[in-house]
Amino acid sequence: MAMSTLEPGSLPKGAFGLRQRATTRASVVVVDMVYAPVRRGDQQGILMIRTAATEGKTSPQDAVGLLNKALHRADARIDPDQLIAPAQTSPASGSVTATPTSPPTP
């Protein structure tokens, strides 16, 4: 199995995605996962879209198109500010620094 990130330019601002390629004896399965922090009014959440296709046998669904449909159905918008690391005060200096974070592993 190999994992890579989806091209950021192919995703809406604030969303991120991963691609898995798993080779079995019979085929190669490609799985795309797109995550998007969302907001509807004062509610926050995350939409996760996952598509899977057997390479060469089935055409993959467009994960970004499905994300857009899900946003429309939920009456929500992508909120990229949700995934920005909070500023933290350094105990030694009292200065504010950003702490890097990684997205959760699905």
PDB file of N, CA and C in Angstrom:
ATOM      1  N   MET A   1       0.848  -1.165   0.000  1.00  0.00           N
ATOM      2  CA  MET A   1       0.000   0.000   0.000  1.00  0.00           C
ATOM      3  C   MET A   1       0.897   1.232   0.000  1.00  0.00           C
ATOM      4  N   ALA A   2       0.529   2.210  -0.799  1.00  0.00           N
ATOM      5  CA  ALA A   2       1.233   3.488  -0.851  1.00  0.00           C
ATOM      6  C   ALA A   2       0.237   4.594  -0.551  1.00  0.00           C
ATOM      7  N   MET A   3       0.715   5.621   0.136  1.00  0.00           N
ATOM      8  CA  MET A   3      -0.156   6.744   0.461  1.00  0.00           C
ATOM      9  C   MET A   3       0.530   8.033   0.047  1.00  0.00           C
ATOM     10  N   SER A   4      -0.260   8.948  -0.521  1.00  0.00           N
ATOM     11  CA  SER A   4       0.267  10.252  -0.922  1.00  0.00           C
ATOM     12  C   SER A   4      -0.813  11.299  -0.684  1.00  0.00           C
ATOM     13  N   THR A   5      -0.406  12.565  -0.744  1.00  0.00           N
ATOM     14  CA  THR A   5      -1.384  13.637  -0.594  1.00  0.00           C
ATOM     15  C   THR A   5      -1.963  13.976  -1.955  1.00  0.00           C
ATOM     16  N   LEU A   6      -3.197  14.422  -1.969  1.00  0.00           N
ATOM     17  CA  LEU A   6      -3.798  14.905  -3.207  1.00  0.00           C
ATOM     18  C   LEU A   6      -3.237  16.289  -3.500  1.00  0.00           C
ATOM     19  N   GLU A   7      -3.144  16.623  -4.751  1.00  0.00           N
ATOM     20  CA  GLU A   7      -2.609  17.920  -5.167  1.00  0.00           C
ATOM     21  C   GLU A   7      -3.443  19.035  -4.539  1.00  0.00           C
ATOM     22  N   PRO A   8      -2.821  19.898  -3.704  1.00  0.00           N
ATOM     23  CA  PRO A   8      -3.589  20.959  -3.042  1.00  0.00           C
ATOM     24  C   PRO A   8      -4.352  21.862  -4.014  1.00  0.00           C
ATOM     25  N   GLY A   9      -3.799  22.111  -5.195  1.00  0.00           N
ATOM     26  CA  GLY A   9      -4.471  22.967  -6.164  1.00  0.00           C
ATOM     27  C   GLY A   9      -5.749  22.367  -6.720  1.00  0.00           C
ATOM     28  N   SER A  10      -5.935  21.054  -6.547  1.00  0.00           N
ATOM     29  CA  SER A  10      -7.145  20.407  -7.053  1.00  0.00           C
ATOM     30  C   SER A  10      -8.279  20.414  -6.028  1.00  0.00           C
ATOM     31  N   LEU A  11      -8.002  20.935  -4.833  1.00  0.00           N
ATOM     32  CA  LEU A  11      -8.986  20.931  -3.748  1.00  0.00           C
ATOM     33  C   LEU A  11      -9.416  22.351  -3.401  1.00  0.00           C
ATOM     34  N   PRO A  12     -10.622  22.508  -2.868  1.00  0.00           N
ATOM     35  CA  PRO A  12     -11.038  23.835  -2.412  1.00  0.00           C
ATOM     36  C   PRO A  12     -10.127  24.316  -1.280  1.00  0.00           C
ATOM     37  N   LYS A  13      -9.986  25.626  -1.150  1.00  0.00           N
ATOM     38  CA  LYS A  13      -9.148  26.192  -0.092  1.00  0.00           C
ATOM     39  C   LYS A  13      -9.654  25.719   1.269  1.00  0.00           C
ATOM     40  N   GLY A  14      -8.741  25.222   2.091  1.00  0.00           N
ATOM     41  CA  GLY A  14      -9.089  24.748   3.424  1.00  0.00           C
ATOM     42  C   GLY A  14      -9.270  23.248   3.501  1.00  0.00           C
ATOM     43  N   ALA A  15      -9.454  22.574   2.368  1.00  0.00           N
ATOM     44  CA  ALA A  15      -9.617  21.118   2.355  1.00  0.00           C
ATOM     45  C   ALA A  15      -8.257  20.466   2.130  1.00  0.00           C
ATOM     46  N   PHE A  16      -8.123  19.235   2.570  1.00  0.00           N
ATOM     47  CA  PHE A  16      -6.914  18.472   2.276  1.00  0.00           C
ATOM     48  C   PHE A  16      -7.319  17.045   1.962  1.00  0.00           C
ATOM     49  N   GLY A  17      -6.449  16.340   1.254  1.00  0.00           N
ATOM     50  CA  GLY A  17      -6.817  15.003   0.837  1.00  0.00           C
ATOM     51  C   GLY A  17      -5.646  14.052   0.765  1.00  0.00           C
ATOM     52  N   LEU A  18      -5.975  12.770   0.819  1.00  0.00           N
ATOM     53  CA  LEU A  18      -4.993  11.697   0.756  1.00  0.00           C
ATOM     54  C   LEU A  18      -5.428  10.679  -0.288  1.00  0.00           C
ATOM     55  N   ARG A  19      -4.458   9.996  -0.860  1.00  0.00           N
ATOM     56  CA  ARG A  19      -4.744   8.917  -1.807  1.00  0.00           C
ATOM     57  C   ARG A  19      -3.994   7.667  -1.361  1.00  0.00           C
ATOM     58  N   GLN A  20      -4.716   6.554  -1.318  1.00  0.00           N
ATOM     59  CA  GLN A  20      -4.114   5.254  -1.027  1.00  0.00           C
ATOM     60  C   GLN A  20      -4.183   4.409  -2.287  1.00  0.00           C
ATOM     61  N   ARG A  21      -3.115   3.708  -2.560  1.00  0.00           N
ATOM     62  CA  ARG A  21      -3.104   2.738  -3.656  1.00  0.00           C
ATOM     63  C   ARG A  21      -2.725   1.396  -3.048  1.00  0.00           C
ATOM     64  N   ALA A  22      -3.651   0.471  -3.086  1.00  0.00           N
ATOM     65  CA  ALA A  22      -3.425  -0.854  -2.522  1.00  0.00           C
ATOM     66  C   ALA A  22      -3.411  -1.875  -3.647  1.00  0.00           C
ATOM     67  N   THR A  23      -2.358  -2.662  -3.702  1.00  0.00           N
ATOM     68  CA  THR A  23      -2.231  -3.683  -4.733  1.00  0.00           C
ATOM     69  C   THR A  23      -2.594  -5.034  -4.135  1.00  0.00           C
ATOM     70  N   THR A  24      -3.543  -5.705  -4.775  1.00  0.00           N
ATOM     71  CA  THR A  24      -3.908  -7.060  -4.383  1.00  0.00           C
ATOM     72  C   THR A  24      -3.423  -7.995  -5.477  1.00  0.00           C
ATOM     73  N   ARG A  25      -3.679  -9.254  -5.338  1.00  0.00           N
ATOM     74  CA  ARG A  25      -3.273 -10.204  -6.381  1.00  0.00           C
ATOM     75  C   ARG A  25      -4.005  -9.941  -7.688  1.00  0.00           C
ATOM     76  N   ALA A  26      -5.233  -9.451  -7.578  1.00  0.00           N
ATOM     77  CA  ALA A  26      -6.064  -9.298  -8.768  1.00  0.00           C
ATOM     78  C   ALA A  26      -6.117  -7.880  -9.327  1.00  0.00           C
ATOM     79  N   SER A  27      -5.860  -6.873  -8.504  1.00  0.00           N
ATOM     80  CA  SER A  27      -6.077  -5.511  -8.990  1.00  0.00           C
ATOM     81  C   SER A  27      -5.366  -4.478  -8.117  1.00  0.00           C
ATOM     82  N   VAL A  28      -5.500  -3.231  -8.546  1.00  0.00           N
ATOM     83  CA  VAL A  28      -5.032  -2.086  -7.767  1.00  0.00           C
ATOM     84  C   VAL A  28      -6.266  -1.264  -7.403  1.00  0.00           C
ATOM     85  N   VAL A  29      -6.440  -1.007  -6.124  1.00  0.00           N
ATOM     86  CA  VAL A  29      -7.572  -0.219  -5.651  1.00  0.00           C
ATOM     87  C   VAL A  29      -7.045   1.156  -5.248  1.00  0.00           C
ATOM     88  N   VAL A  30      -7.691   2.189  -5.780  1.00  0.00           N
ATOM     89  CA  VAL A  30      -7.313   3.570  -5.475  1.00  0.00           C
ATOM     90  C   VAL A  30      -8.411   4.178  -4.608  1.00  0.00           C
ATOM     91  N   VAL A  31      -8.011   4.677  -3.438  1.00  0.00           N
ATOM     92  CA  VAL A  31      -8.947   5.282  -2.494  1.00  0.00           C
ATOM     93  C   VAL A  31      -8.539   6.741  -2.297  1.00  0.00           C
ATOM     94  N   ASP A  32      -9.456   7.664  -2.567  1.00  0.00           N
ATOM     95  CA  ASP A  32      -9.234   9.086  -2.311  1.00  0.00           C
ATOM     96  C   ASP A  32     -10.065   9.491  -1.102  1.00  0.00           C
ATOM     97  N   MET A  33      -9.438  10.248  -0.196  1.00  0.00           N
ATOM     98  CA  MET A  33     -10.127  10.753   0.991  1.00  0.00           C
ATOM     99  C   MET A  33      -9.916  12.260   1.046  1.00  0.00           C
ATOM    100  N   VAL A  34     -11.002  13.007   1.142  1.00  0.00           N
ATOM    101  CA  VAL A  34     -10.933  14.464   1.223  1.00  0.00           C
ATOM    102  C   VAL A  34     -11.586  14.887   2.535  1.00  0.00           C
ATOM    103  N   TYR A  35     -10.879  15.731   3.276  1.00  0.00           N
ATOM    104  CA  TYR A  35     -11.357  16.252   4.554  1.00  0.00           C
ATOM    105  C   TYR A  35     -11.533  17.757   4.426  1.00  0.00           C
ATOM    106  N   ALA A  36     -12.625  18.276   4.971  1.00  0.00           N
ATOM    107  CA  ALA A  36     -12.870  19.717   4.914  1.00  0.00           C
ATOM    108  C   ALA A  36     -13.505  20.177   6.224  1.00  0.00           C
ATOM    109  N   PRO A  37     -12.865  21.126   6.906  1.00  0.00           N
ATOM    110  CA  PRO A  37     -13.491  21.707   8.089  1.00  0.00           C
ATOM    111  C   PRO A  37     -14.645  22.597   7.635  1.00  0.00           C
ATOM    112  N   VAL A  38     -15.798  22.445   8.258  1.00  0.00           N
ATOM    113  CA  VAL A  38     -16.977  23.184   7.796  1.00  0.00           C
ATOM    114  C   VAL A  38     -17.631  23.951   8.938  1.00  0.00           C
ATOM    115  N   ARG A  39     -18.440  24.916   8.531  1.00  0.00           N
ATOM    116  CA  ARG A  39     -19.205  25.724   9.482  1.00  0.00           C
ATOM    117  C   ARG A  39     -20.595  25.950   8.897  1.00  0.00           C
ATOM    118  N   ARG A  40     -21.590  25.842   9.779  1.00  0.00           N
ATOM    119  CA  ARG A  40     -22.965  26.213   9.436  1.00  0.00           C
ATOM    120  C   ARG A  40     -23.468  27.047  10.601  1.00  0.00           C
ATOM    121  N   GLY A  41     -23.566  28.343  10.364  1.00  0.00           N
ATOM    122  CA  GLY A  41     -23.920  29.241  11.459  1.00  0.00           C
ATOM    123  C   GLY A  41     -22.827  29.204  12.511  1.00  0.00           C
ATOM    124  N   ASP A  42     -23.202  28.858  13.748  1.00  0.00           N
ATOM    125  CA  ASP A  42     -22.198  28.769  14.806  1.00  0.00           C
ATOM    126  C   ASP A  42     -21.741  27.333  15.053  1.00  0.00           C
ATOM    127  N   GLN A  43     -22.183  26.391  14.211  1.00  0.00           N
ATOM    128  CA  GLN A  43     -21.784  24.989  14.350  1.00  0.00           C
ATOM    129  C   GLN A  43     -20.547  24.709  13.506  1.00  0.00           C
ATOM    130  N   GLN A  44     -19.613  23.933  14.070  1.00  0.00           N
ATOM    131  CA  GLN A  44     -18.411  23.528  13.347  1.00  0.00           C
ATOM    132  C   GLN A  44     -18.403  22.017  13.192  1.00  0.00           C
ATOM    133  N   GLY A  45     -17.744  21.547  12.147  1.00  0.00           N
ATOM    134  CA  GLY A  45     -17.627  20.118  11.933  1.00  0.00           C
ATOM    135  C   GLY A  45     -16.606  19.818  10.853  1.00  0.00           C
ATOM    136  N   ILE A  46     -16.529  18.559  10.481  1.00  0.00           N
ATOM    137  CA  ILE A  46     -15.631  18.143   9.407  1.00  0.00           C
ATOM    138  C   ILE A  46     -16.412  17.219   8.484  1.00  0.00           C
ATOM    139  N   LEU A  47     -16.307  17.473   7.190  1.00  0.00           N
ATOM    140  CA  LEU A  47     -16.854  16.558   6.189  1.00  0.00           C
ATOM    141  C   LEU A  47     -15.714  15.689   5.689  1.00  0.00           C
ATOM    142  N   MET A  48     -15.969  14.411   5.567  1.00  0.00           N
ATOM    143  CA  MET A  48     -14.985  13.487   5.018  1.00  0.00           C
ATOM    144  C   MET A  48     -15.643  12.761   3.858  1.00  0.00           C
ATOM    145  N   ILE A  49     -15.031  12.852   2.694  1.00  0.00           N
ATOM    146  CA  ILE A  49     -15.527  12.173   1.501  1.00  0.00           C
ATOM    147  C   ILE A  49     -14.506  11.105   1.137  1.00  0.00           C
ATOM    148  N   ARG A  50     -14.972   9.885   0.906  1.00  0.00           N
ATOM    149  CA  ARG A  50     -14.073   8.783   0.554  1.00  0.00           C
ATOM    150  C   ARG A  50     -14.616   8.107  -0.688  1.00  0.00           C
ATOM    151  N   THR A  51     -13.757   7.946  -1.684  1.00  0.00           N
ATOM    152  CA  THR A  51     -14.142   7.219  -2.892  1.00  0.00           C
ATOM    153  C   THR A  51     -13.142   6.091  -3.109  1.00  0.00           C
ATOM    154  N   ALA A  52     -13.596   5.016  -3.718  1.00  0.00           N
ATOM    155  CA  ALA A  52     -12.722   3.884  -4.019  1.00  0.00           C
ATOM    156  C   ALA A  52     -13.047   3.375  -5.411  1.00  0.00           C
ATOM    157  N   ALA A  53     -12.009   2.986  -6.132  1.00  0.00           N
ATOM    158  CA  ALA A  53     -12.196   2.463  -7.486  1.00  0.00           C
ATOM    159  C   ALA A  53     -11.113   1.443  -7.779  1.00  0.00           C
ATOM    160  N   THR A  54     -11.469   0.436  -8.545  1.00  0.00           N
ATOM    161  CA  THR A  54     -10.492  -0.525  -9.022  1.00  0.00           C
ATOM    162  C   THR A  54      -9.861   0.046 -10.275  1.00  0.00           C
ATOM    163  N   GLU A  55      -8.560   0.249 -10.233  1.00  0.00           N
ATOM    164  CA  GLU A  55      -7.853   0.878 -11.348  1.00  0.00           C
ATOM    165  C   GLU A  55      -8.067   0.092 -12.643  1.00  0.00           C
ATOM    166  N   GLY A  56      -8.511   0.792 -13.677  1.00  0.00           N
ATOM    167  CA  GLY A  56      -8.718   0.181 -14.980  1.00  0.00           C
ATOM    168  C   GLY A  56     -10.063  -0.502 -15.164  1.00  0.00           C
ATOM    169  N   LYS A  57     -10.829  -0.708 -14.097  1.00  0.00           N
ATOM    170  CA  LYS A  57     -12.116  -1.396 -14.216  1.00  0.00           C
ATOM    171  C   LYS A  57     -13.298  -0.473 -13.941  1.00  0.00           C
ATOM    172  N   THR A  58     -13.150   0.411 -12.993  1.00  0.00           N
ATOM    173  CA  THR A  58     -14.228   1.346 -12.681  1.00  0.00           C
ATOM    174  C   THR A  58     -13.655   2.752 -12.675  1.00  0.00           C
ATOM    175  N   SER A  59     -14.465   3.698 -13.076  1.00  0.00           N
ATOM    176  CA  SER A  59     -13.972   5.073 -13.063  1.00  0.00           C
ATOM    177  C   SER A  59     -14.180   5.652 -11.670  1.00  0.00           C
ATOM    178  N   PRO A  60     -13.175   6.346 -11.151  1.00  0.00           N
ATOM    179  CA  PRO A  60     -13.324   6.914  -9.812  1.00  0.00           C
ATOM    180  C   PRO A  60     -14.332   8.052  -9.802  1.00  0.00           C
ATOM    181  N   GLN A  61     -15.058   8.163  -8.716  1.00  0.00           N
ATOM    182  CA  GLN A  61     -15.966   9.298  -8.561  1.00  0.00           C
ATOM    183  C   GLN A  61     -15.140  10.523  -8.217  1.00  0.00           C
ATOM    184  N   ASP A  62     -15.645  11.672  -8.542  1.00  0.00           N
ATOM    185  CA  ASP A  62     -14.962  12.923  -8.269  1.00  0.00           C
ATOM    186  C   ASP A  62     -15.209  13.319  -6.815  1.00  0.00           C
ATOM    187  N   ALA A  63     -14.191  13.155  -5.963  1.00  0.00           N
ATOM    188  CA  ALA A  63     -14.344  13.455  -4.543  1.00  0.00           C
ATOM    189  C   ALA A  63     -14.656  14.933  -4.313  1.00  0.00           C
ATOM    190  N   VAL A  64     -14.069  15.822  -5.111  1.00  0.00           N
ATOM    191  CA  VAL A  64     -14.330  17.256  -4.955  1.00  0.00           C
ATOM    192  C   VAL A  64     -15.778  17.570  -5.332  1.00  0.00           C
ATOM    193  N   GLY A  65     -16.286  16.944  -6.389  1.00  0.00           N
ATOM    194  CA  GLY A  65     -17.689  17.123  -6.763  1.00  0.00           C
ATOM    195  C   GLY A  65     -18.626  16.632  -5.666  1.00  0.00           C
ATOM    196  N   LEU A  66     -18.277  15.488  -5.051  1.00  0.00           N
ATOM    197  CA  LEU A  66     -19.088  14.972  -3.946  1.00  0.00           C
ATOM    198  C   LEU A  66     -19.012  15.895  -2.730  1.00  0.00           C
ATOM    199  N   LEU A  67     -17.838  16.478  -2.492  1.00  0.00           N
ATOM    200  CA  LEU A  67     -17.693  17.438  -1.397  1.00  0.00           C
ATOM    201  C   LEU A  67     -18.603  18.643  -1.622  1.00  0.00           C
ATOM    202  N   ASN A  68     -18.615  19.150  -2.841  1.00  0.00           N
ATOM    203  CA  ASN A  68     -19.479  20.298  -3.152  1.00  0.00           C
ATOM    204  C   ASN A  68     -20.953  19.963  -2.938  1.00  0.00           C
ATOM    205  N   LYS A  69     -21.368  18.744  -3.329  1.00  0.00           N
ATOM    206  CA  LYS A  69     -22.757  18.323  -3.104  1.00  0.00           C
ATOM    207  C   LYS A  69     -23.062  18.226  -1.613  1.00  0.00           C
ATOM    208  N   ALA A  70     -22.118  17.679  -0.842  1.00  0.00           N
ATOM    209  CA  ALA A  70     -22.325  17.536   0.603  1.00  0.00           C
ATOM    210  C   ALA A  70     -22.422  18.901   1.281  1.00  0.00           C
ATOM    211  N   LEU A  71     -21.580  19.841   0.852  1.00  0.00           N
ATOM    212  CA  LEU A  71     -21.649  21.199   1.406  1.00  0.00           C
ATOM    213  C   LEU A  71     -23.009  21.827   1.119  1.00  0.00           C
ATOM    214  N   HIS A  72     -23.499  21.631  -0.101  1.00  0.00           N
ATOM    215  CA  HIS A  72     -24.799  22.184  -0.485  1.00  0.00           C
ATOM    216  C   HIS A  72     -25.918  21.563   0.354  1.00  0.00           C
ATOM    217  N   ARG A  73     -25.896  20.233   0.489  1.00  0.00           N
ATOM    218  CA  ARG A  73     -26.944  19.551   1.263  1.00  0.00           C
ATOM    219  C   ARG A  73     -26.925  19.960   2.733  1.00  0.00           C
ATOM    220  N   ALA A  74     -25.722  20.170   3.268  1.00  0.00           N
ATOM    221  CA  ALA A  74     -25.595  20.536   4.681  1.00  0.00           C
ATOM    222  C   ALA A  74     -25.793  22.026   4.912  1.00  0.00           C
ATOM    223  N   ASP A  75     -25.934  22.778   3.826  1.00  0.00           N
ATOM    224  CA  ASP A  75     -26.032  24.235   3.917  1.00  0.00           C
ATOM    225  C   ASP A  75     -24.864  24.777   4.739  1.00  0.00           C
ATOM    226  N   ALA A  76     -23.653  24.298   4.393  1.00  0.00           N
ATOM    227  CA  ALA A  76     -22.439  24.653   5.135  1.00  0.00           C
ATOM    228  C   ALA A  76     -21.404  25.223   4.173  1.00  0.00           C
ATOM    229  N   ARG A  77     -20.360  25.788   4.761  1.00  0.00           N
ATOM    230  CA  ARG A  77     -19.250  26.299   3.955  1.00  0.00           C
ATOM    231  C   ARG A  77     -17.948  25.807   4.571  1.00  0.00           C
ATOM    232  N   ILE A  78     -16.914  25.731   3.747  1.00  0.00           N
ATOM    233  CA  ILE A  78     -15.601  25.345   4.255  1.00  0.00           C
ATOM    234  C   ILE A  78     -15.065  26.478   5.118  1.00  0.00           C
ATOM    235  N   ASP A  79     -14.520  26.112   6.264  1.00  0.00           N
ATOM    236  CA  ASP A  79     -13.971  27.083   7.214  1.00  0.00           C
ATOM    237  C   ASP A  79     -12.498  26.754   7.463  1.00  0.00           C
ATOM    238  N   PRO A  80     -11.593  27.266   6.615  1.00  0.00           N
ATOM    239  CA  PRO A  80     -10.180  26.905   6.746  1.00  0.00           C
ATOM    240  C   PRO A  80      -9.550  27.364   8.056  1.00  0.00           C
ATOM    241  N   ASP A  81     -10.151  28.312   8.751  1.00  0.00           N
ATOM    242  CA  ASP A  81      -9.577  28.800  10.008  1.00  0.00           C
ATOM    243  C   ASP A  81      -9.628  27.763  11.124  1.00  0.00           C
ATOM    244  N   GLN A  82     -10.450  26.731  10.986  1.00  0.00           N
ATOM    245  CA  GLN A  82     -10.551  25.713  12.034  1.00  0.00           C
ATOM    246  C   GLN A  82      -9.268  24.921  12.213  1.00  0.00           C
ATOM    247  N   LEU A  83      -8.472  24.768  11.171  1.00  0.00           N
ATOM    248  CA  LEU A  83      -7.293  23.906  11.253  1.00  0.00           C
ATOM    249  C   LEU A  83      -5.993  24.670  11.463  1.00  0.00           C
ATOM    250  N   ILE A  84      -6.062  25.933  11.816  1.00  0.00           N
ATOM    251  CA  ILE A  84      -4.855  26.704  12.103  1.00  0.00           C
ATOM    252  C   ILE A  84      -4.446  26.422  13.543  1.00  0.00           C
ATOM    253  N   ALA A  85      -3.155  26.150  13.733  1.00  0.00           N
ATOM    254  CA  ALA A  85      -2.660  25.849  15.078  1.00  0.00           C
ATOM    255  C   ALA A  85      -2.833  27.060  15.985  1.00  0.00           C
ATOM    256  N   PRO A  86      -3.270  26.832  17.217  1.00  0.00           N
ATOM    257  CA  PRO A  86      -3.441  27.955  18.137  1.00  0.00           C
ATOM    258  C   PRO A  86      -2.090  28.517  18.564  1.00  0.00           C
ATOM    259  N   ALA A  87      -2.056  29.811  18.835  1.00  0.00           N
ATOM    260  CA  ALA A  87      -0.835  30.429  19.355  1.00  0.00           C
ATOM    261  C   ALA A  87      -0.704  30.045  20.820  1.00  0.00           C
ATOM    262  N   GLN A  88       0.515  29.712  21.223  1.00  0.00           N
ATOM    263  CA  GLN A  88       0.759  29.338  22.607  1.00  0.00           C
ATOM    264  C   GLN A  88       1.862  30.209  23.178  1.00  0.00           C
ATOM    265  N   THR A  89       1.765  30.490  24.457  1.00  0.00           N
ATOM    266  CA  THR A  89       2.779  31.295  25.118  1.00  0.00           C
ATOM    267  C   THR A  89       3.895  30.393  25.610  1.00  0.00           C
ATOM    268  N   SER A  90       5.129  30.755  25.285  1.00  0.00           N
ATOM    269  CA  SER A  90       6.294  30.018  25.754  1.00  0.00           C
ATOM    270  C   SER A  90       6.525  30.364  27.222  1.00  0.00           C
ATOM    271  N   PRO A  91       6.611  29.360  28.114  1.00  0.00           N
ATOM    272  CA  PRO A  91       6.764  29.660  29.536  1.00  0.00           C
ATOM    273  C   PRO A  91       8.057  30.421  29.848  1.00  0.00           C
ATOM    274  N   ALA A  92       9.133  30.142  29.124  1.00  0.00           N
ATOM    275  CA  ALA A  92      10.421  30.764  29.425  1.00  0.00           C
ATOM    276  C   ALA A  92      10.452  32.233  29.021  1.00  0.00           C
ATOM    277  N   SER A  93       9.944  32.539  27.842  1.00  0.00           N
ATOM    278  CA  SER A  93      10.073  33.903  27.343  1.00  0.00           C
ATOM    279  C   SER A  93       8.773  34.700  27.391  1.00  0.00           C
ATOM    280  N   GLY A  94       7.662  34.016  27.530  1.00  0.00           N
ATOM    281  CA  GLY A  94       6.382  34.703  27.502  1.00  0.00           C
ATOM    282  C   GLY A  94       5.960  35.116  26.102  1.00  0.00           C
ATOM    283  N   SER A  95       6.748  34.727  25.078  1.00  0.00           N
ATOM    284  CA  SER A  95       6.411  35.090  23.703  1.00  0.00           C
ATOM    285  C   SER A  95       5.396  34.110  23.134  1.00  0.00           C
ATOM    286  N   VAL A  96       4.692  34.570  22.124  1.00  0.00           N
ATOM    287  CA  VAL A  96       3.675  33.748  21.487  1.00  0.00           C
ATOM    288  C   VAL A  96       4.280  33.069  20.272  1.00  0.00           C
ATOM    289  N   THR A  97       4.099  31.747  20.181  1.00  0.00           N
ATOM    290  CA  THR A  97       4.584  30.985  19.033  1.00  0.00           C
ATOM    291  C   THR A  97       3.470  30.082  18.548  1.00  0.00           C
ATOM    292  N   ALA A  98       3.520  29.756  17.278  1.00  0.00           N
ATOM    293  CA  ALA A  98       2.539  28.823  16.716  1.00  0.00           C
ATOM    294  C   ALA A  98       3.064  27.412  16.881  1.00  0.00           C
ATOM    295  N   THR A  99       2.178  26.494  17.210  1.00  0.00           N
ATOM    296  CA  THR A  99       2.548  25.100  17.360  1.00  0.00           C
ATOM    297  C   THR A  99       2.043  24.334  16.151  1.00  0.00           C
ATOM    298  N   PRO A 100       2.950  23.683  15.387  1.00  0.00           N
ATOM    299  CA  PRO A 100       2.487  22.939  14.219  1.00  0.00           C
ATOM    300  C   PRO A 100       1.651  21.736  14.637  1.00  0.00           C
ATOM    301  N   THR A 101       0.652  21.436  13.838  1.00  0.00           N
ATOM    302  CA  THR A 101      -0.182  20.268  14.092  1.00  0.00           C
ATOM    303  C   THR A 101      -0.314  19.472  12.812  1.00  0.00           C
ATOM    304  N   SER A 102      -0.647  18.218  12.959  1.00  0.00           N
ATOM    305  CA  SER A 102      -0.877  17.352  11.814  1.00  0.00           C
ATOM    306  C   SER A 102      -2.332  16.949  11.814  1.00  0.00           C
ATOM    307  N   PRO A 103      -2.900  16.701  10.622  1.00  0.00           N
ATOM    308  CA  PRO A 103      -4.279  16.216  10.599  1.00  0.00           C
ATOM    309  C   PRO A 103      -4.348  14.831  11.229  1.00  0.00           C
ATOM    310  N   PRO A 104      -5.482  14.468  11.796  1.00  0.00           N
ATOM    311  CA  PRO A 104      -5.601  13.151  12.412  1.00  0.00           C
ATOM    312  C   PRO A 104      -5.495  12.048  11.378  1.00  0.00           C
ATOM    313  N   THR A 105      -4.996  10.910  11.820  1.00  0.00           N
ATOM    314  CA  THR A 105      -4.916   9.743  10.952  1.00  0.00           C
ATOM    315  C   THR A 105      -6.273   9.068  10.948  1.00  0.00           C
ATOM    316  N   PRO A 106      -6.846   8.862   9.746  1.00  0.00           N
ATOM    317  CA  PRO A 106      -8.178   8.242   9.708  1.00  0.00           C
ATOM    318  C   PRO A 106      -8.142   6.817  10.183  1.00  0.00           C
TER     319      PRO A 106
END
